[in-house]
C-alpha cells in the first residue's frame, strides 16, 4: 500500500496523554504478572524433578525482568506527572545538535549513520532540563531500533508559528518482548513527555521507514541565523 500509514495508538485519545500511557502500561503489566502467578503455582503444585523446578524458576525470573522494565516505565511516567516545570526560551535546533553530537559515538559502534539537517533557528518555550532529557531519550530509543548499516535521520525546520522535527529510520529486527521492549517504551515515554510539554506528536510508517514527527509552538519571531545551518 502506497503512502504513509498511521500506526495504532496505545489507547483512546479521549484521555489526557499521561493517563492514557499509564493505562496502557498497567494493562501490559497484567500479562507477565499473570504468567508469574501461574509459574509459581506450578512450582508448588507437587513434587517435581530438579530440572522442572529450574525451568520454572528461569521462567519466573524472565517474567520478573519484563515486569521490572514495565514498572520502571510506569514510575518514570508517574514522576513526570508531579514534576514542576518552569518554562524559559531555548533553541530547539541547538538542543538537537548537542544531543546528536553526544550520540554519534554510540551510533558509530552500532553501525548506524546519524544525520541531522537543520536550516532555521527554532526558539521554543520549555523546561530546558526536562526537554533535553526527553530529546535524548527519544533519539536514543530511535537509534536502538534502527537497522544496522542504515541511517537515522533528523530534520528540523520551521513551519508557520511552529518548530517541526522529523525523525526517521529503517526498522531492524523486532526487539525481544516487542512492543514492550526498552526502546519502544522509551518512545512511548518520550511521546507522553513531549505532549505534556505542549508538543504535537505523530508516528507513521512510510514504505519500510518509521517516521516520528513533533511540532512545538515557536516562542519568538523566527529569523535565519548562520549558526542554525548545519548538517552532521
Protein backbone atom coordinates (compact mmCIF):
# COMPACT_ATOMS: atom_id res chain seq x y z
CA UNK A 1 0.00 0.00 0.00
CA UNK A 2 1.45 3.36 -1.01
CA UNK A 3 1.64 6.45 1.14
CA UNK A 4 2.07 6.87 4.88
CA UNK A 5 0.12 4.67 7.26
CA UNK A 6 -0.81 5.80 10.72
CA UNK A 7 0.37 3.37 13.37
CA UNK A 8 -2.09 2.23 16.05
CA UNK A 9 -2.01 4.33 19.20
CA UNK A 10 -1.86 2.77 22.68
CA UNK A 11 -5.39 3.81 23.63
CA UNK A 12 -8.17 6.30 23.06
CA UNK A 13 -7.16 9.96 22.69
CA UNK A 14 -10.13 10.93 24.85
CA UNK A 15 -7.91 10.69 27.94
CA UNK A 16 -5.02 13.02 28.82
CA UNK A 17 -1.74 11.66 27.45
CA UNK A 18 -0.20 10.83 30.83
CA UNK A 19 -3.22 8.81 32.00
CA UNK A 20 -3.52 7.14 28.59
CA UNK A 21 0.09 5.94 28.64
CA UNK A 22 -0.13 4.79 32.26
CA UNK A 23 -3.28 2.82 31.49
CA UNK A 24 -1.54 1.22 28.52
CA UNK A 25 1.46 0.14 30.61
CA UNK A 26 -0.66 -1.08 33.51
CA UNK A 27 -2.62 -3.22 31.06
CA UNK A 28 0.66 -4.55 29.62
CA UNK A 29 1.88 -5.40 33.14
CA UNK A 30 -1.04 -7.78 33.62
CA UNK A 31 0.33 -10.39 31.18
CA UNK A 32 3.71 -11.12 32.81
CA UNK A 33 2.13 -10.78 36.26
CA UNK A 34 -0.42 -13.47 35.42
CA UNK A 35 2.33 -15.61 33.91
CA UNK A 36 4.43 -15.29 37.07
CA UNK A 37 1.50 -16.34 39.23
CA UNK A 38 0.93 -19.42 37.06
CA UNK A 39 4.64 -20.25 37.19
CA UNK A 40 4.67 -20.08 40.99
CA UNK A 41 1.51 -22.16 41.24
CA UNK A 42 3.15 -24.86 39.11
CA UNK A 43 6.21 -24.80 41.36
CA UNK A 44 4.19 -25.61 44.49
CA UNK A 45 1.63 -27.92 42.87
CA UNK A 46 3.51 -31.05 43.85
CA UNK A 47 6.88 -32.83 43.84
CA UNK A 48 8.84 -32.35 40.60
CA UNK A 49 12.23 -33.18 39.19
CA UNK A 50 15.04 -30.69 39.80
CA UNK A 51 15.13 -29.81 36.08
CA UNK A 52 11.43 -28.90 36.19
CA UNK A 53 11.97 -26.65 39.20
CA UNK A 54 14.88 -24.93 37.47
CA UNK A 55 12.83 -24.44 34.31
CA UNK A 56 10.00 -22.91 36.35
CA UNK A 57 12.38 -20.63 38.23
CA UNK A 58 14.03 -19.46 34.99
CA UNK A 59 10.61 -18.70 33.51
CA UNK A 60 9.69 -16.77 36.65
CA UNK A 61 12.94 -14.76 36.50
CA UNK A 62 12.31 -13.82 32.88
CA UNK A 63 8.75 -12.70 33.69
CA UNK A 64 10.11 -10.69 36.63
CA UNK A 65 12.61 -8.93 34.34
CA UNK A 66 9.79 -7.99 31.95
CA UNK A 67 7.72 -6.68 34.85
CA UNK A 68 10.64 -4.63 36.13
CA UNK A 69 11.05 -2.88 32.75
CA UNK A 70 7.34 -2.03 32.72
CA UNK A 71 7.33 -0.87 36.35
CA UNK A 72 10.32 1.42 35.69
CA UNK A 73 8.46 2.94 32.73
CA UNK A 74 5.34 3.41 34.87
CA UNK A 75 7.41 5.07 37.60
CA UNK A 76 9.03 7.39 35.06
CA UNK A 77 5.65 8.45 33.72
CA UNK A 78 4.26 8.90 37.23
CA UNK A 79 7.23 11.07 38.25
CA UNK A 80 6.63 13.24 35.19
CA UNK A 81 3.07 13.97 36.28
CA UNK A 82 4.25 15.63 39.50
CA UNK A 83 7.36 17.42 38.21
CA UNK A 84 7.07 21.23 38.42
CA UNK A 85 8.10 22.80 35.13
CA UNK A 86 9.35 26.35 34.78
CA UNK A 87 9.48 27.20 31.11
CA UNK A 88 12.00 29.53 29.52
CA UNK A 89 13.04 30.36 25.93
CA UNK A 90 15.57 27.97 24.38
CA UNK A 91 16.81 26.92 20.96
CA UNK A 92 15.41 23.53 19.98
CA UNK A 93 17.78 23.30 17.00
CA UNK A 94 20.79 23.84 19.28
CA UNK A 95 19.50 21.21 21.70
CA UNK A 96 19.14 18.72 18.84
CA UNK A 97 22.68 19.49 17.66
CA UNK A 98 24.25 18.76 21.04
CA UNK A 99 22.13 15.62 21.55
CA UNK A 100 23.15 14.22 18.18
CA UNK A 101 26.79 15.07 18.93
CA UNK A 102 26.58 13.10 22.20
CA UNK A 103 25.03 10.09 20.43
CA UNK A 104 27.47 9.97 17.50
CA UNK A 105 29.92 7.56 19.25
CA UNK A 106 27.02 5.25 20.14
CA UNK A 107 25.72 5.31 16.57
CA UNK A 108 29.20 4.51 15.26
CA UNK A 109 29.51 1.41 17.43
CA UNK A 110 26.06 0.29 16.25
CA UNK A 111 26.95 0.77 12.59
CA UNK A 112 24.28 3.44 12.10
CA UNK A 113 24.80 6.76 10.31
CA UNK A 114 23.32 9.53 12.44
CA UNK A 115 22.37 12.60 10.37
CA UNK A 116 20.98 15.95 11.46
CA UNK A 117 19.82 18.56 8.97
CA UNK A 118 18.67 21.92 10.32
CA UNK A 119 18.21 25.15 8.40
CA UNK A 120 16.50 27.52 10.83
CA UNK A 121 16.65 28.83 14.37
CA UNK A 122 13.87 27.19 16.39
CA UNK A 123 13.18 29.16 19.58
CA UNK A 124 10.62 27.46 21.84
CA UNK A 125 9.50 27.78 25.46
CA UNK A 126 10.12 24.72 27.64
CA UNK A 127 11.87 23.49 30.75
CA UNK A 128 15.44 23.18 29.46
CA UNK A 129 16.48 20.21 31.62
CA UNK A 130 13.29 18.24 31.00
CA UNK A 131 13.31 18.86 27.25
CA UNK A 132 17.00 17.93 26.98
CA UNK A 133 16.35 14.63 28.77
CA UNK A 134 13.31 13.74 26.69
CA UNK A 135 15.01 14.60 23.38
CA UNK A 136 17.95 12.39 24.37
CA UNK A 137 15.58 9.57 25.35
CA UNK A 138 13.68 9.99 22.08
CA UNK A 139 16.74 9.84 19.82
CA UNK A 140 18.47 7.13 21.86
CA UNK A 141 15.38 4.91 21.60
CA UNK A 142 15.04 5.53 17.85
CA UNK A 143 18.74 4.74 17.43
CA UNK A 144 18.30 1.42 19.25
CA UNK A 145 15.51 0.48 16.82
CA UNK A 146 17.45 1.43 13.66
CA UNK A 147 18.72 -1.31 11.37
CA UNK A 148 22.50 -1.72 11.31
CA UNK A 149 24.11 -0.19 8.24
CA UNK A 150 21.31 2.34 7.66
CA UNK A 151 20.65 5.94 8.61
CA UNK A 152 18.81 7.61 11.45
CA UNK A 153 17.84 10.99 10.03
CA UNK A 154 16.69 14.05 11.98
CA UNK A 155 15.33 17.03 10.07
CA UNK A 156 14.43 20.25 11.87
CA UNK A 157 12.87 23.28 10.26
CA UNK A 158 10.28 25.99 10.77
CA UNK A 159 6.64 25.96 9.79
CA UNK A 160 4.35 28.96 10.25
CA UNK A 161 4.47 29.58 14.03
CA UNK A 162 5.77 26.06 14.70
CA UNK A 163 9.04 24.20 15.08
CA UNK A 164 8.93 20.94 13.12
CA UNK A 165 11.19 17.94 13.80
CA UNK A 166 11.10 14.69 11.82
CA UNK A 167 13.00 11.58 12.94
CA UNK A 168 13.04 8.62 10.55
CA UNK A 169 14.78 5.25 10.45
CA UNK A 170 14.66 1.82 8.86
CA UNK A 171 13.50 -0.79 11.34
CA UNK A 172 15.81 -3.56 12.45
CA UNK A 173 14.67 -6.91 13.80
CA UNK A 174 11.80 -6.67 16.26
CA UNK A 175 13.19 -6.31 19.79
CA UNK A 176 12.56 -9.06 22.33
CA UNK A 177 9.20 -8.62 24.06
CA UNK A 178 8.03 -6.10 21.45
CA UNK A 179 6.06 -3.81 21.74
CA UNK A 180 7.20 -3.55 25.39
CA UNK A 181 10.97 -3.53 24.86
CA UNK A 182 13.00 -0.76 26.49
CA UNK A 183 13.49 1.31 23.29
CA UNK A 184 9.80 1.03 22.34
CA UNK A 185 8.79 2.05 25.85
CA UNK A 186 11.33 4.88 25.54
CA UNK A 187 9.44 6.20 22.52
CA UNK A 188 6.17 5.96 24.42
CA UNK A 189 7.60 7.89 27.37
CA UNK A 190 9.10 10.49 25.02
CA UNK A 191 5.72 10.93 23.35
CA UNK A 192 3.97 11.39 26.68
CA UNK A 193 6.51 13.92 27.97
CA UNK A 194 6.59 15.90 24.74
CA UNK A 195 2.82 16.11 24.57
CA UNK A 196 2.75 17.16 28.21
CA UNK A 197 5.18 19.95 27.25
CA UNK A 198 2.72 21.16 24.60
CA UNK A 199 4.12 19.42 21.52
CA UNK A 200 2.11 17.57 18.90
CA UNK A 201 3.35 14.04 18.16
CA UNK A 202 2.63 11.73 15.27
CA UNK A 203 4.12 8.44 14.14
CA UNK A 204 3.74 6.87 10.71
CA UNK A 205 5.26 4.15 8.59
CA UNK A 206 6.35 5.14 5.07
CA UNK A 207 7.49 2.16 2.99
CA UNK A 208 9.96 0.41 5.34
CA UNK A 209 10.78 3.51 7.40
CA UNK A 210 9.38 4.65 10.71
CA UNK A 211 8.76 8.39 10.91
CA UNK A 212 8.13 10.27 14.16
CA UNK A 213 7.33 13.97 13.98
CA UNK A 214 6.92 16.62 16.65
CA UNK A 215 5.63 20.15 16.35
CA UNK A 216 6.09 22.83 19.02
CA UNK A 217 4.92 26.45 19.01
CA UNK A 218 7.68 28.91 18.21
CA UNK A 219 8.38 31.26 21.09
CA UNK A 220 9.75 34.21 19.12
CA UNK A 221 9.67 35.68 15.63
CA UNK A 222 11.82 33.37 13.52
CA UNK A 223 14.92 34.73 11.82
CA UNK A 224 17.57 32.77 9.96
CA UNK A 225 21.00 32.81 11.51
CA UNK A 226 24.28 31.47 10.25
CA UNK A 227 24.81 29.16 13.20
CA UNK A 228 21.46 27.46 12.55
CA UNK A 229 22.60 25.93 9.26
CA UNK A 230 24.39 22.63 9.66
CA UNK A 231 24.42 19.04 8.56
CA UNK A 232 26.05 16.31 10.58
